[in-house]
Amino acid sequence: MNQTSGSTQLNSLLTQINTEGQFPISVLTDFQGLPIAWSASTEMDPERQSAVVAFIQKAAVQVSNQLGMAETDEISFYDINGQHLVCRPFHVNQYGLILAVIIPFRDHSYRRATNHAVREIRHIWKTFWE
């Protein structure tokens, strides 16, 4: 039997995807921007990223509503140097969650790592909180 908590497993998962994906930070928040788990290099601020993620989610919902689009699958912001923020909103039953990662440079593969993380987060969530 696994003796670690759900929170510990979520943080470990984010550390793992940061290593595999070479991401400087990954954050799991709820739709209001409350941080649930994170893994970050020392120069990154997970609380600041969580607040930004909540703002992005609210803007995406408004855009989707105004344009009559379905729920957002992914939101990305690029800077002129190629670094970008990727937000992946998803649900685990009735809970709205967002996985956000910083991609360090242009053309860096991230979708496989974030897909894997979303599947694992759902599994961990259902194991400990459902």
C-alpha atoms as a PDB file:
ATOM      1  CA  MET A   1       0.000   0.000   0.000  1.00  0.00           C
ATOM      2  CA  ASN A   2       1.273   3.465  -0.929  1.00  0.00           C
ATOM      3  CA  GLN A   3       1.899   5.543   2.201  1.00  0.00           C
ATOM      4  CA  THR A   4       2.300   8.933   0.473  1.00  0.00           C
ATOM      5  CA  SER A   5      -0.467  11.517   0.470  1.00  0.00           C
ATOM      6  CA  GLY A   6      -2.258  12.757  -2.619  1.00  0.00           C
ATOM      7  CA  SER A   7      -0.567  16.148  -2.281  1.00  0.00           C
ATOM      8  CA  THR A   8       2.854  14.520  -2.120  1.00  0.00           C
ATOM      9  CA  GLN A   9       2.068  12.437  -5.194  1.00  0.00           C
ATOM     10  CA  LEU A  10       0.885  15.505  -7.137  1.00  0.00           C
ATOM     11  CA  ASN A  11       4.034  17.456  -6.251  1.00  0.00           C
ATOM     12  CA  SER A  12       6.203  14.465  -7.206  1.00  0.00           C
ATOM     13  CA  LEU A  13       4.385  14.140 -10.524  1.00  0.00           C
ATOM     14  CA  LEU A  14       4.971  17.820 -11.327  1.00  0.00           C
ATOM     15  CA  THR A  15       8.646  17.476 -10.417  1.00  0.00           C
ATOM     16  CA  GLN A  16       8.852  14.488 -12.749  1.00  0.00           C
ATOM     17  CA  ILE A  17       7.260  16.293 -15.708  1.00  0.00           C
ATOM     18  CA  ASN A  18       9.502  19.318 -15.121  1.00  0.00           C
ATOM     19  CA  THR A  19      12.541  17.069 -15.349  1.00  0.00           C
ATOM     20  CA  GLU A  20      11.304  15.124 -18.371  1.00  0.00           C
ATOM     21  CA  GLY A  21       9.968  18.175 -20.210  1.00  0.00           C
ATOM     22  CA  GLN A  22      12.728  20.573 -19.108  1.00  0.00           C
ATOM     23  CA  PHE A  23      10.084  22.926 -17.701  1.00  0.00           C
ATOM     24  CA  PRO A  24      11.256  25.485 -15.128  1.00  0.00           C
ATOM     25  CA  ILE A  25       7.841  25.445 -13.429  1.00  0.00           C
ATOM     26  CA  SER A  26       4.563  23.577 -13.410  1.00  0.00           C
ATOM     27  CA  VAL A  27       1.545  24.490 -11.308  1.00  0.00           C
ATOM     28  CA  LEU A  28      -1.773  22.770 -10.662  1.00  0.00           C
ATOM     29  CA  THR A  29      -4.535  25.176  -9.616  1.00  0.00           C
ATOM     30  CA  ASP A  30      -8.278  25.184  -9.325  1.00  0.00           C
ATOM     31  CA  PHE A  31     -10.268  27.507 -11.605  1.00  0.00           C
ATOM     32  CA  GLN A  32     -10.097  30.285  -8.989  1.00  0.00           C
ATOM     33  CA  GLY A  33      -6.285  30.213  -9.043  1.00  0.00           C
ATOM     34  CA  LEU A  34      -5.728  28.526  -5.698  1.00  0.00           C
ATOM     35  CA  PRO A  35      -2.508  26.527  -5.973  1.00  0.00           C
ATOM     36  CA  ILE A  36      -2.940  22.826  -5.274  1.00  0.00           C
ATOM     37  CA  ALA A  37       0.527  21.551  -6.188  1.00  0.00           C
ATOM     38  CA  TRP A  38       3.629  22.871  -7.894  1.00  0.00           C
ATOM     39  CA  SER A  39       7.215  22.237  -8.759  1.00  0.00           C
ATOM     40  CA  ALA A  40       9.507  25.114  -9.621  1.00  0.00           C
ATOM     41  CA  SER A  41      13.126  26.047 -10.030  1.00  0.00           C
ATOM     42  CA  THR A  42      14.335  28.554  -7.464  1.00  0.00           C
ATOM     43  CA  GLU A  43      13.907  31.644  -9.676  1.00  0.00           C
ATOM     44  CA  MET A  44      10.236  30.901 -10.430  1.00  0.00           C
ATOM     45  CA  ASP A  45       7.274  32.002  -8.275  1.00  0.00           C
ATOM     46  CA  PRO A  46       4.456  29.412  -8.148  1.00  0.00           C
ATOM     47  CA  GLU A  47       2.049  31.739  -6.334  1.00  0.00           C
ATOM     48  CA  ARG A  48       2.409  34.421  -8.986  1.00  0.00           C
ATOM     49  CA  GLN A  49       1.931  31.867 -11.759  1.00  0.00           C
ATOM     50  CA  SER A  50      -1.205  30.535 -10.027  1.00  0.00           C
ATOM     51  CA  ALA A  51      -2.725  34.024  -9.957  1.00  0.00           C
ATOM     52  CA  VAL A  52      -1.916  34.539 -13.639  1.00  0.00           C
ATOM     53  CA  VAL A  53      -3.441  31.162 -14.525  1.00  0.00           C
ATOM     54  CA  ALA A  54      -6.734  32.097 -12.852  1.00  0.00           C
ATOM     55  CA  PHE A  55      -6.845  35.373 -14.765  1.00  0.00           C
ATOM     56  CA  ILE A  56      -6.156  33.548 -18.044  1.00  0.00           C
ATOM     57  CA  GLN A  57      -8.894  30.994 -17.325  1.00  0.00           C
ATOM     58  CA  LYS A  58     -11.463  33.724 -16.658  1.00  0.00           C
ATOM     59  CA  ALA A  59     -10.521  35.507 -19.886  1.00  0.00           C
ATOM     60  CA  ALA A  60     -10.716  32.241 -21.862  1.00  0.00           C
ATOM     61  CA  VAL A  61     -14.202  31.513 -20.508  1.00  0.00           C
ATOM     62  CA  GLN A  62     -15.375  34.995 -21.508  1.00  0.00           C
ATOM     63  CA  VAL A  63     -13.911  34.647 -25.011  1.00  0.00           C
ATOM     64  CA  SER A  64     -15.499  31.210 -25.444  1.00  0.00           C
ATOM     65  CA  ASN A  65     -18.871  32.514 -24.276  1.00  0.00           C
ATOM     66  CA  GLN A  66     -18.746  35.598 -26.511  1.00  0.00           C
ATOM     67  CA  LEU A  67     -17.805  33.560 -29.590  1.00  0.00           C
ATOM     68  CA  GLY A  68     -20.056  30.610 -28.818  1.00  0.00           C
ATOM     69  CA  MET A  69     -17.099  28.235 -28.675  1.00  0.00           C
ATOM     70  CA  ALA A  70     -16.839  25.021 -26.680  1.00  0.00           C
ATOM     71  CA  GLU A  71     -14.758  24.777 -23.508  1.00  0.00           C
ATOM     72  CA  THR A  72     -11.067  25.602 -23.932  1.00  0.00           C
ATOM     73  CA  ASP A  73      -8.634  22.730 -24.391  1.00  0.00           C
ATOM     74  CA  GLU A  74      -5.432  24.753 -24.118  1.00  0.00           C
ATOM     75  CA  ILE A  75      -4.353  28.362 -23.751  1.00  0.00           C
ATOM     76  CA  SER A  76      -0.855  29.480 -24.749  1.00  0.00           C
ATOM     77  CA  PHE A  77       0.996  32.781 -24.436  1.00  0.00           C
ATOM     78  CA  TYR A  78       4.312  33.269 -26.230  1.00  0.00           C
ATOM     79  CA  ASP A  79       6.900  35.939 -25.601  1.00  0.00           C
ATOM     80  CA  ILE A  80       9.152  37.315 -28.336  1.00  0.00           C
ATOM     81  CA  ASN A  81      11.994  35.022 -27.245  1.00  0.00           C
ATOM     82  CA  GLY A  82       9.927  31.861 -27.747  1.00  0.00           C
ATOM     83  CA  GLN A  83       9.258  31.077 -24.101  1.00  0.00           C
ATOM     84  CA  HIS A  84       5.601  30.395 -23.460  1.00  0.00           C
ATOM     85  CA  LEU A  85       3.034  29.609 -20.828  1.00  0.00           C
ATOM     86  CA  VAL A  86       0.682  26.707 -21.540  1.00  0.00           C
ATOM     87  CA  CYS A  87      -2.511  26.274 -19.508  1.00  0.00           C
ATOM     88  CA  ARG A  88      -4.453  23.011 -19.779  1.00  0.00           C
ATOM     89  CA  PRO A  89      -7.891  23.307 -18.113  1.00  0.00           C
ATOM     90  CA  PHE A  90      -9.644  20.005 -17.354  1.00  0.00           C
ATOM     91  CA  HIS A  91     -12.161  18.449 -15.004  1.00  0.00           C
ATOM     92  CA  VAL A  92     -12.032  15.581 -12.560  1.00  0.00           C
ATOM     93  CA  ASN A  93     -15.725  14.916 -12.066  1.00  0.00           C
ATOM     94  CA  GLN A  94     -17.086  18.277 -10.840  1.00  0.00           C
ATOM     95  CA  TYR A  95     -13.692  19.809  -9.966  1.00  0.00           C
ATOM     96  CA  GLY A  96     -12.207  22.288 -12.435  1.00  0.00           C
ATOM     97  CA  LEU A  97      -8.410  22.151 -12.501  1.00  0.00           C
ATOM     98  CA  ILE A  98      -5.695  23.815 -14.578  1.00  0.00           C
ATOM     99  CA  LEU A  99      -2.226  22.474 -15.259  1.00  0.00           C
ATOM    100  CA  ALA A 100       0.113  25.289 -16.273  1.00  0.00           C
ATOM    101  CA  VAL A 101       3.719  24.926 -17.408  1.00  0.00           C
ATOM    102  CA  ILE A 102       6.345  27.291 -18.729  1.00  0.00           C
ATOM    103  CA  ILE A 103       7.943  26.040 -21.937  1.00  0.00           C
ATOM    104  CA  PRO A 104      11.495  27.418 -22.055  1.00  0.00           C
ATOM    105  CA  PHE A 105      11.950  27.844 -25.804  1.00  0.00           C
ATOM    106  CA  ARG A 106      10.157  27.782 -29.156  1.00  0.00           C
ATOM    107  CA  ASP A 107       9.422  24.421 -30.810  1.00  0.00           C
ATOM    108  CA  HIS A 108       9.939  22.545 -27.555  1.00  0.00           C
ATOM    109  CA  SER A 109       7.736  19.449 -27.306  1.00  0.00           C
ATOM    110  CA  TYR A 110       5.369  19.538 -24.348  1.00  0.00           C
ATOM    111  CA  ARG A 111       2.008  18.009 -25.297  1.00  0.00           C
ATOM    112  CA  ARG A 112       2.951  14.404 -24.484  1.00  0.00           C
ATOM    113  CA  ALA A 113       4.230  15.403 -21.037  1.00  0.00           C
ATOM    114  CA  THR A 114       1.161  17.500 -20.234  1.00  0.00           C
ATOM    115  CA  ASN A 115      -1.233  14.805 -21.510  1.00  0.00           C
ATOM    116  CA  HIS A 116       0.521  12.271 -19.281  1.00  0.00           C
ATOM    117  CA  ALA A 117       0.373  14.659 -16.326  1.00  0.00           C
ATOM    118  CA  VAL A 118      -3.372  15.307 -16.786  1.00  0.00           C
ATOM    119  CA  ARG A 119      -4.082  11.541 -16.874  1.00  0.00           C
ATOM    120  CA  GLU A 120      -1.992  10.973 -13.731  1.00  0.00           C
ATOM    121  CA  ILE A 121      -3.539  13.948 -11.915  1.00  0.00           C
ATOM    122  CA  ARG A 122      -7.009  12.542 -12.616  1.00  0.00           C
ATOM    123  CA  HIS A 123      -5.945   9.157 -11.264  1.00  0.00           C
ATOM    124  CA  ILE A 124      -4.369  10.614  -8.112  1.00  0.00           C
ATOM    125  CA  TRP A 125      -7.370  12.905  -7.530  1.00  0.00           C
ATOM    126  CA  LYS A 126      -9.861  10.065  -7.815  1.00  0.00           C
ATOM    127  CA  THR A 127      -7.741   7.854  -5.536  1.00  0.00           C
ATOM    128  CA  PHE A 128      -7.470  10.367  -2.693  1.00  0.00           C
ATOM    129  CA  TRP A 129     -10.409  12.771  -2.981  1.00  0.00           C
ATOM    130  CA  GLU A 130     -13.329  10.878  -4.497  1.00  0.00           C
END
